[in-house]
């Protein structure tokens, strides 16, 4: 493929990515029920999921795993503590160190989220069953390039001309 064809395809992929990003942004505003008394926003259920997979995590670890700021995680954690879905625990020998675990209600949400994703992932699983390792590797590389674009944009100083 020549450079002009590649540039045209890159432009189309960029447009597709932005369309999907806009849809994901809209999805982030919709709370869903995962078997708990109140519906949860994606940021809340994803925080529950990370804690469920990594019991004893702290805010710094959650921020790193989710690719968001510690401040954002702290806000979500405060909401989840208030909803009694997670519990803050202090280390016995270090009063400042706080780690997080799921409450019984949080475990219900964690399991509900896993069931939700099991159904949602079916089309991806079916697609991957027929994919070659080279195709899977390409998609992973493509997503890493997109993530690096996001990382770069987040690290650049904000300018009104951009």
C-alpha atoms as a PDB file:
ATOM      1  CA  UNK A   1       0.000   0.000   0.000  1.00  0.00           C
ATOM      2  CA  UNK A   2       1.360   3.441  -0.860  1.00  0.00           C
ATOM      3  CA  UNK A   3       1.573   6.438   1.490  1.00  0.00           C
ATOM      4  CA  UNK A   4      -1.502   8.195   0.068  1.00  0.00           C
ATOM      5  CA  UNK A   5      -3.646   5.078   0.557  1.00  0.00           C
ATOM      6  CA  UNK A   6      -2.309   4.642   4.102  1.00  0.00           C
ATOM      7  CA  UNK A   7      -3.037   8.299   4.928  1.00  0.00           C
ATOM      8  CA  UNK A   8      -6.599   7.910   3.648  1.00  0.00           C
ATOM      9  CA  UNK A   9      -7.137   4.770   5.732  1.00  0.00           C
ATOM     10  CA  UNK A  10      -5.546   6.430   8.789  1.00  0.00           C
ATOM     11  CA  UNK A  11      -7.949   9.371   8.410  1.00  0.00           C
ATOM     12  CA  UNK A  12     -10.947   7.020   8.229  1.00  0.00           C
ATOM     13  CA  UNK A  13      -9.740   5.048  11.260  1.00  0.00           C
ATOM     14  CA  UNK A  14      -9.243   8.315  13.159  1.00  0.00           C
ATOM     15  CA  UNK A  15     -12.827   9.356  12.337  1.00  0.00           C
ATOM     16  CA  UNK A  16     -14.103   5.947  13.476  1.00  0.00           C
ATOM     17  CA  UNK A  17     -12.102   6.221  16.689  1.00  0.00           C
ATOM     18  CA  UNK A  18     -13.536   9.671  17.474  1.00  0.00           C
ATOM     19  CA  UNK A  19     -17.086   8.495  16.786  1.00  0.00           C
ATOM     20  CA  UNK A  20     -16.570   5.548  19.147  1.00  0.00           C
ATOM     21  CA  UNK A  21     -14.901   7.791  21.756  1.00  0.00           C
ATOM     22  CA  UNK A  22     -17.919  10.111  21.670  1.00  0.00           C
ATOM     23  CA  UNK A  23     -20.261   7.160  22.157  1.00  0.00           C
ATOM     24  CA  UNK A  24     -18.137   5.873  25.049  1.00  0.00           C
ATOM     25  CA  UNK A  25     -18.303   9.320  26.619  1.00  0.00           C
ATOM     26  CA  UNK A  26     -22.109   9.149  26.431  1.00  0.00           C
ATOM     27  CA  UNK A  27     -22.143   5.625  27.883  1.00  0.00           C
ATOM     28  CA  UNK A  28     -20.098   6.875  30.872  1.00  0.00           C
ATOM     29  CA  UNK A  29     -23.081   9.046  31.849  1.00  0.00           C
ATOM     30  CA  UNK A  30     -25.580   6.167  32.039  1.00  0.00           C
ATOM     31  CA  UNK A  31     -25.967   4.331  35.362  1.00  0.00           C
ATOM     32  CA  UNK A  32     -26.839   0.608  35.220  1.00  0.00           C
ATOM     33  CA  UNK A  33     -28.108  -1.887  37.739  1.00  0.00           C
ATOM     34  CA  UNK A  34     -25.719  -4.700  38.622  1.00  0.00           C
ATOM     35  CA  UNK A  35     -27.866  -6.371  41.285  1.00  0.00           C
ATOM     36  CA  UNK A  36     -27.479  -3.715  43.958  1.00  0.00           C
ATOM     37  CA  UNK A  37     -30.056  -1.398  45.505  1.00  0.00           C
ATOM     38  CA  UNK A  38     -28.916   1.580  43.431  1.00  0.00           C
ATOM     39  CA  UNK A  39     -27.680   1.820  39.839  1.00  0.00           C
ATOM     40  CA  UNK A  40     -23.974   2.468  39.319  1.00  0.00           C
ATOM     41  CA  UNK A  41     -22.128   4.647  36.848  1.00  0.00           C
ATOM     42  CA  UNK A  42     -19.375   3.029  34.752  1.00  0.00           C
ATOM     43  CA  UNK A  43     -16.677   4.801  36.786  1.00  0.00           C
ATOM     44  CA  UNK A  44     -18.162   3.304  39.953  1.00  0.00           C
ATOM     45  CA  UNK A  45     -18.575  -0.266  38.682  1.00  0.00           C
ATOM     46  CA  UNK A  46     -15.127  -0.240  37.077  1.00  0.00           C
ATOM     47  CA  UNK A  47     -13.612   0.852  40.391  1.00  0.00           C
ATOM     48  CA  UNK A  48     -15.531  -1.961  42.099  1.00  0.00           C
ATOM     49  CA  UNK A  49     -14.216  -4.353  39.460  1.00  0.00           C
ATOM     50  CA  UNK A  50     -10.584  -3.337  40.014  1.00  0.00           C
ATOM     51  CA  UNK A  51     -10.976  -3.695  43.793  1.00  0.00           C
ATOM     52  CA  UNK A  52     -12.693  -7.064  43.319  1.00  0.00           C
ATOM     53  CA  UNK A  53      -9.802  -8.289  41.174  1.00  0.00           C
ATOM     54  CA  UNK A  54      -7.182  -6.686  43.452  1.00  0.00           C
ATOM     55  CA  UNK A  55      -8.439  -6.739  47.056  1.00  0.00           C
ATOM     56  CA  UNK A  56      -6.431  -4.509  49.327  1.00  0.00           C
ATOM     57  CA  UNK A  57      -5.613  -1.966  46.626  1.00  0.00           C
ATOM     58  CA  UNK A  58      -5.111   1.648  47.575  1.00  0.00           C
ATOM     59  CA  UNK A  59      -6.148   4.787  45.683  1.00  0.00           C
ATOM     60  CA  UNK A  60      -2.769   5.114  43.946  1.00  0.00           C
ATOM     61  CA  UNK A  61      -2.931   1.549  42.638  1.00  0.00           C
ATOM     62  CA  UNK A  62      -6.534   2.009  41.469  1.00  0.00           C
ATOM     63  CA  UNK A  63      -5.630   5.211  39.602  1.00  0.00           C
ATOM     64  CA  UNK A  64      -2.737   3.483  37.868  1.00  0.00           C
ATOM     65  CA  UNK A  65      -4.811   0.451  36.846  1.00  0.00           C
ATOM     66  CA  UNK A  66      -7.678   2.609  35.545  1.00  0.00           C
ATOM     67  CA  UNK A  67      -5.558   5.265  33.846  1.00  0.00           C
ATOM     68  CA  UNK A  68      -7.132   8.141  35.767  1.00  0.00           C
ATOM     69  CA  UNK A  69      -5.966  10.594  38.420  1.00  0.00           C
ATOM     70  CA  UNK A  70      -5.841   9.816  42.132  1.00  0.00           C
ATOM     71  CA  UNK A  71      -8.281  12.677  42.664  1.00  0.00           C
ATOM     72  CA  UNK A  72     -10.809  11.069  40.319  1.00  0.00           C
ATOM     73  CA  UNK A  73     -10.443   7.722  42.102  1.00  0.00           C
ATOM     74  CA  UNK A  74     -10.783   9.396  45.514  1.00  0.00           C
ATOM     75  CA  UNK A  75     -14.088  10.959  44.456  1.00  0.00           C
ATOM     76  CA  UNK A  76     -15.455   7.632  43.208  1.00  0.00           C
ATOM     77  CA  UNK A  77     -14.209   5.819  46.321  1.00  0.00           C
ATOM     78  CA  UNK A  78     -15.985   8.363  48.544  1.00  0.00           C
ATOM     79  CA  UNK A  79     -19.259   7.729  46.666  1.00  0.00           C
ATOM     80  CA  UNK A  80     -18.835   3.953  46.912  1.00  0.00           C
ATOM     81  CA  UNK A  81     -18.086   4.137  50.649  1.00  0.00           C
ATOM     82  CA  UNK A  82     -21.225   6.256  51.102  1.00  0.00           C
ATOM     83  CA  UNK A  83     -23.226   3.654  49.107  1.00  0.00           C
ATOM     84  CA  UNK A  84     -21.684   0.963  51.352  1.00  0.00           C
ATOM     85  CA  UNK A  85     -20.205  -0.921  48.397  1.00  0.00           C
ATOM     86  CA  UNK A  86     -16.583  -0.707  49.528  1.00  0.00           C
ATOM     87  CA  UNK A  87     -14.886  -0.546  52.905  1.00  0.00           C
ATOM     88  CA  UNK A  88     -11.788   1.446  53.792  1.00  0.00           C
ATOM     89  CA  UNK A  89      -9.341  -0.458  55.959  1.00  0.00           C
ATOM     90  CA  UNK A  90      -6.259   0.840  57.782  1.00  0.00           C
ATOM     91  CA  UNK A  91      -3.085  -1.166  58.113  1.00  0.00           C
ATOM     92  CA  UNK A  92      -2.431  -2.340  61.646  1.00  0.00           C
ATOM     93  CA  UNK A  93       1.049  -0.858  61.862  1.00  0.00           C
ATOM     94  CA  UNK A  94       0.450   2.202  59.648  1.00  0.00           C
ATOM     95  CA  UNK A  95      -2.551   4.411  60.394  1.00  0.00           C
ATOM     96  CA  UNK A  96      -2.022   6.470  57.219  1.00  0.00           C
ATOM     97  CA  UNK A  97      -2.038   3.537  54.790  1.00  0.00           C
ATOM     98  CA  UNK A  98      -5.591   2.824  53.629  1.00  0.00           C
ATOM     99  CA  UNK A  99      -6.579  -0.098  51.489  1.00  0.00           C
ATOM    100  CA  UNK A 100      -9.945  -0.974  50.029  1.00  0.00           C
ATOM    101  CA  UNK A 101     -12.100  -4.064  49.879  1.00  0.00           C
ATOM    102  CA  UNK A 102     -15.618  -4.831  48.686  1.00  0.00           C
ATOM    103  CA  UNK A 103     -18.510  -5.067  51.107  1.00  0.00           C
ATOM    104  CA  UNK A 104     -21.130  -7.815  50.710  1.00  0.00           C
ATOM    105  CA  UNK A 105     -23.175  -5.428  48.543  1.00  0.00           C
ATOM    106  CA  UNK A 106     -20.023  -4.548  46.603  1.00  0.00           C
ATOM    107  CA  UNK A 107     -19.441  -8.257  45.940  1.00  0.00           C
ATOM    108  CA  UNK A 108     -22.974  -8.462  44.473  1.00  0.00           C
ATOM    109  CA  UNK A 109     -22.144  -5.567  42.137  1.00  0.00           C
ATOM    110  CA  UNK A 110     -18.804  -7.180  41.224  1.00  0.00           C
ATOM    111  CA  UNK A 111     -20.513 -10.463  40.287  1.00  0.00           C
ATOM    112  CA  UNK A 112     -23.301  -8.611  38.442  1.00  0.00           C
ATOM    113  CA  UNK A 113     -20.694  -6.722  36.437  1.00  0.00           C
ATOM    114  CA  UNK A 114     -18.880  -9.940  35.555  1.00  0.00           C
ATOM    115  CA  UNK A 115     -22.150 -11.470  34.315  1.00  0.00           C
ATOM    116  CA  UNK A 116     -22.922  -8.311  32.306  1.00  0.00           C
ATOM    117  CA  UNK A 117     -19.525  -8.424  30.595  1.00  0.00           C
ATOM    118  CA  UNK A 118     -19.712 -12.169  29.952  1.00  0.00           C
ATOM    119  CA  UNK A 119     -22.738 -11.537  27.730  1.00  0.00           C
ATOM    120  CA  UNK A 120     -21.260  -8.414  26.209  1.00  0.00           C
ATOM    121  CA  UNK A 121     -17.976 -10.133  25.305  1.00  0.00           C
ATOM    122  CA  UNK A 122     -19.614 -12.954  23.334  1.00  0.00           C
ATOM    123  CA  UNK A 123     -19.333 -11.223  19.918  1.00  0.00           C
ATOM    124  CA  UNK A 124     -15.651 -10.450  20.637  1.00  0.00           C
ATOM    125  CA  UNK A 125     -14.970 -14.037  21.673  1.00  0.00           C
ATOM    126  CA  UNK A 126     -16.592 -15.300  18.473  1.00  0.00           C
ATOM    127  CA  UNK A 127     -14.522 -12.865  16.401  1.00  0.00           C
ATOM    128  CA  UNK A 128     -11.304 -13.851  18.174  1.00  0.00           C
ATOM    129  CA  UNK A 129     -11.974 -17.568  17.695  1.00  0.00           C
ATOM    130  CA  UNK A 130     -11.420 -17.045  13.970  1.00  0.00           C
ATOM    131  CA  UNK A 131      -8.535 -14.566  14.241  1.00  0.00           C
ATOM    132  CA  UNK A 132      -4.893 -15.359  13.654  1.00  0.00           C
ATOM    133  CA  UNK A 133      -2.289 -14.400  16.251  1.00  0.00           C
ATOM    134  CA  UNK A 134      -0.959 -11.799  13.779  1.00  0.00           C
ATOM    135  CA  UNK A 135      -4.401 -10.179  13.597  1.00  0.00           C
ATOM    136  CA  UNK A 136      -4.697 -10.121  17.381  1.00  0.00           C
ATOM    137  CA  UNK A 137      -1.182  -8.665  17.701  1.00  0.00           C
ATOM    138  CA  UNK A 138      -2.042  -5.958  15.146  1.00  0.00           C
ATOM    139  CA  UNK A 139      -5.182  -4.935  17.037  1.00  0.00           C
ATOM    140  CA  UNK A 140      -3.209  -4.768  20.293  1.00  0.00           C
ATOM    141  CA  UNK A 141      -0.555  -2.581  18.634  1.00  0.00           C
ATOM    142  CA  UNK A 142      -3.254  -0.378  17.093  1.00  0.00           C
ATOM    143  CA  UNK A 143      -4.909   0.149  20.480  1.00  0.00           C
ATOM    144  CA  UNK A 144      -1.555   0.958  22.091  1.00  0.00           C
ATOM    145  CA  UNK A 145      -0.938   3.620  19.431  1.00  0.00           C
ATOM    146  CA  UNK A 146      -4.379   5.124  20.157  1.00  0.00           C
ATOM    147  CA  UNK A 147      -3.620   5.072  23.873  1.00  0.00           C
ATOM    148  CA  UNK A 148      -0.299   6.829  23.261  1.00  0.00           C
ATOM    149  CA  UNK A 149      -2.162   9.563  21.342  1.00  0.00           C
ATOM    150  CA  UNK A 150      -4.406  10.016  24.378  1.00  0.00           C
ATOM    151  CA  UNK A 151      -1.438  10.014  26.780  1.00  0.00           C
ATOM    152  CA  UNK A 152       0.332  12.617  24.654  1.00  0.00           C
ATOM    153  CA  UNK A 153      -2.744  14.852  24.492  1.00  0.00           C
ATOM    154  CA  UNK A 154      -3.214  14.571  28.257  1.00  0.00           C
ATOM    155  CA  UNK A 155       0.414  15.478  28.967  1.00  0.00           C
ATOM    156  CA  UNK A 156       0.559  18.521  26.679  1.00  0.00           C
ATOM    157  CA  UNK A 157      -0.235  21.938  28.101  1.00  0.00           C
ATOM    158  CA  UNK A 158      -3.720  23.007  27.152  1.00  0.00           C
ATOM    159  CA  UNK A 159      -3.835  25.710  24.526  1.00  0.00           C
ATOM    160  CA  UNK A 160      -6.893  27.551  23.159  1.00  0.00           C
ATOM    161  CA  UNK A 161      -5.480  27.176  19.646  1.00  0.00           C
ATOM    162  CA  UNK A 162      -5.564  23.369  19.757  1.00  0.00           C
END
